[in-house]
């Protein structure tokens, strides 16, 4: 029985060998190199090519022998090894099947290095590998296959140089399509050949830069690409070690991308940024790659800010623009994170200027990425993370909710109503209509209504005209419908170009030239001092639709200021290194600077709150007209008692719908958000104090005011009589609004304090009266 089994196995092996020999280009011996003339071209005169009709069968035979030897444990005879080596080192035609055959042959050589046992066989293999290097560009151009064997050869060479033998084994198994047990020790001879004879590290680096980038790179292009090779070389810091510039190659590859996003692009950008900021060695801090220039970055976004109609003029795809945006944001974040390390090495890479960042339509790009989440993989979430860290003012929750409304079903219905007339309105026509505003409201209203049917991107060309004419909307007699429509258009534009829109709006709403000399503020000015937003025309304070816009900008710039000061603190961290050597400790200066920053932000927020509360106060003129703003509770309670007789008085100044009341409601909403975001602001503002006539408004209009119950005992304990009275008045409104056990407990304390104040027997320490 054993003999029968052996006989069947022998017959099968014999038949396979005959099949293999039948497709060999010539019956050759490994001694053929010695018989050939030394002056002859080996790959021309000695070797003949594998026929095209035999390539697919040859690939199948190679995979079959791989399975038999690697999985079934078959040990090849000398004759089988000789014929297999001849087949593997044959030269197929330049077709996709030929590329596949060469890749399989190369991986089989790596998997079964025992097939090469004599010096002659080794020399034959080296010559074949040299042919691979020489012919890979020709194969790629003729076959049309982007992922050719040249990239695989380069990748294996890099893995050998970095001693990543397990990565080579994974590469071999994935190419062969089967899991084979390969001992790392079996690759030692191949490693020596690759690193010392074929691909030295310097040759690998120089060759990689000359490899053309993959056109229209996407996840649809599988296999081993130049990007894999560049990624490994960046990780091993080969480019910086041998002073080879890789910046241009990476920039070209980023520009040659499309959806679906290739998974290797984001790791490539991350490792490239690391190679820019972190030197290859401490002994040579200058050994870093060069960053992409600002002009190259701007070229990618050229023509993007002109609205959706300018898409045809864009040179680069949305994928390339999003990748460059990811690069810029990641670079800035990594630069800040490594500031101390770089300062200790006396190295300061250049940061991208604020002028560059102002020209990149970040919010527009993020919105585009949101609609392409499936195609972009993890890029959208990575951009959101960077945005939340570096640009919190572009991540306001209200904006995201507004975007949902703009891009939802209602937007599709509005698009169905879009007429050619609406599309034909130019920004010049809108400007002419605004110039007729004092006497003619109809034309402006008609154009504005048509503009509401446009998408956010299509509205961009009208942004400058809309903002520059906002000052005219403050004049008396402008219909409320125009104001609300402008507010609506502004909010839509805010979803695609918030930073530029805010700067234009702040400059447009400055006080008249007659009052103060106008100054054109920049984005940087407004981040340093957000309170500039409130130094607007006083008429804004009684124009609710425009005040809503102003409060939106104020909230955004307060958030931007926090991020700006935090980044400034990190950027100037090197100032703490030298003084720390002579002071009490290295942490002392940093703690002091952090405390100063927090104190500045607290003062800034509290100043904004105090100004907004002051706006809520009625002017002398409003008081004379009988505007009742002293008690929101009183108005709300009396509203229920208003009979049908007062329906005709709805738009009078003394009704609940007056401009002052609406502005107060808008301000209370913003203060509520600020108090929730940072409860310390509530305590600071109330310890500073504000007019008592506003207490009824703030307690009833700001739901988060209930947290004042926590610190009222401390406020009552202040030595100043004014603060004690303010605290007691505040508590009285809180007890009415929040009938809670805690309110009762604090009220008892307040009554005891009042008794002490009235009798004039104020104790030395009121804190003893606290519960």
Foldseek 3Di string as FASTA:
>chain_A
DVVVVVVVVVVVVVVLVVVLVVQQPDDDFLCVVVVDDPPDDCCPPPADAGEAVCLQVLLVSLLVVCCCCFPVVDDDDLSSLRSLLSSLLHQYDLAPSRQLSVLLSVLSCQQCVVSQDDPSSVVSVLVSVVVCCVCFVVSCVVHVQQAGCNLVLLLVLLCLVVVVLVVSQVLSCVSSVHRGDGDSVSCPVVSCCSCPPNPPLVNSLVVLLPDAADAQDEQVRDHRHSLSNLLSCLVLLSCLVNVNANQVRLLVNLQRYDWLHHPSNVSSLVSLLCQAQQAPDLVCRPSGYDHDDLVSLVLQCPQVLLFPVSPVVHPGDLSSNLSSVLSLLSNLVVLLVCQVVCLVSVHHDDHDDVVSVLSRQLLQSLVVCVVVCVTHPCSSVSSVVSCCQQQVLLVDPVLVVLVCVCPDPVLVVLLVVQDVVLVPDALVQLLVQLVCPVPDQVSNLVNLVSPVNDALRSCSRNLLSLQLSVCVCLDPPRDLSSLQSSLSNLSRVCSGNVLVSLQSNLQNFAADCVVPNGDRDHSVRCLQAVCSLVNGHLSCLLNLSSLLVSLSSSVSSLVSNLSVLVSVLSNPVSVLPVVQVVDDHSCVVSVVSVVVSVVVSLVNVLVVLQVLLVSLDDDPVLVVVVADSQAPPVLVVCVVVDDPVCPVVCAPCNHCPGSSNSSLLSSLVSVLVVCVVPVVSLVVNLLVNDDLSCLNSNPVRRVVNLCVLVCLLVQCQDPDPVSVVSSLSNLVNSCVVDVDPSSVLVNVLNVVSVVCVVVVPHDPTSNVSHD
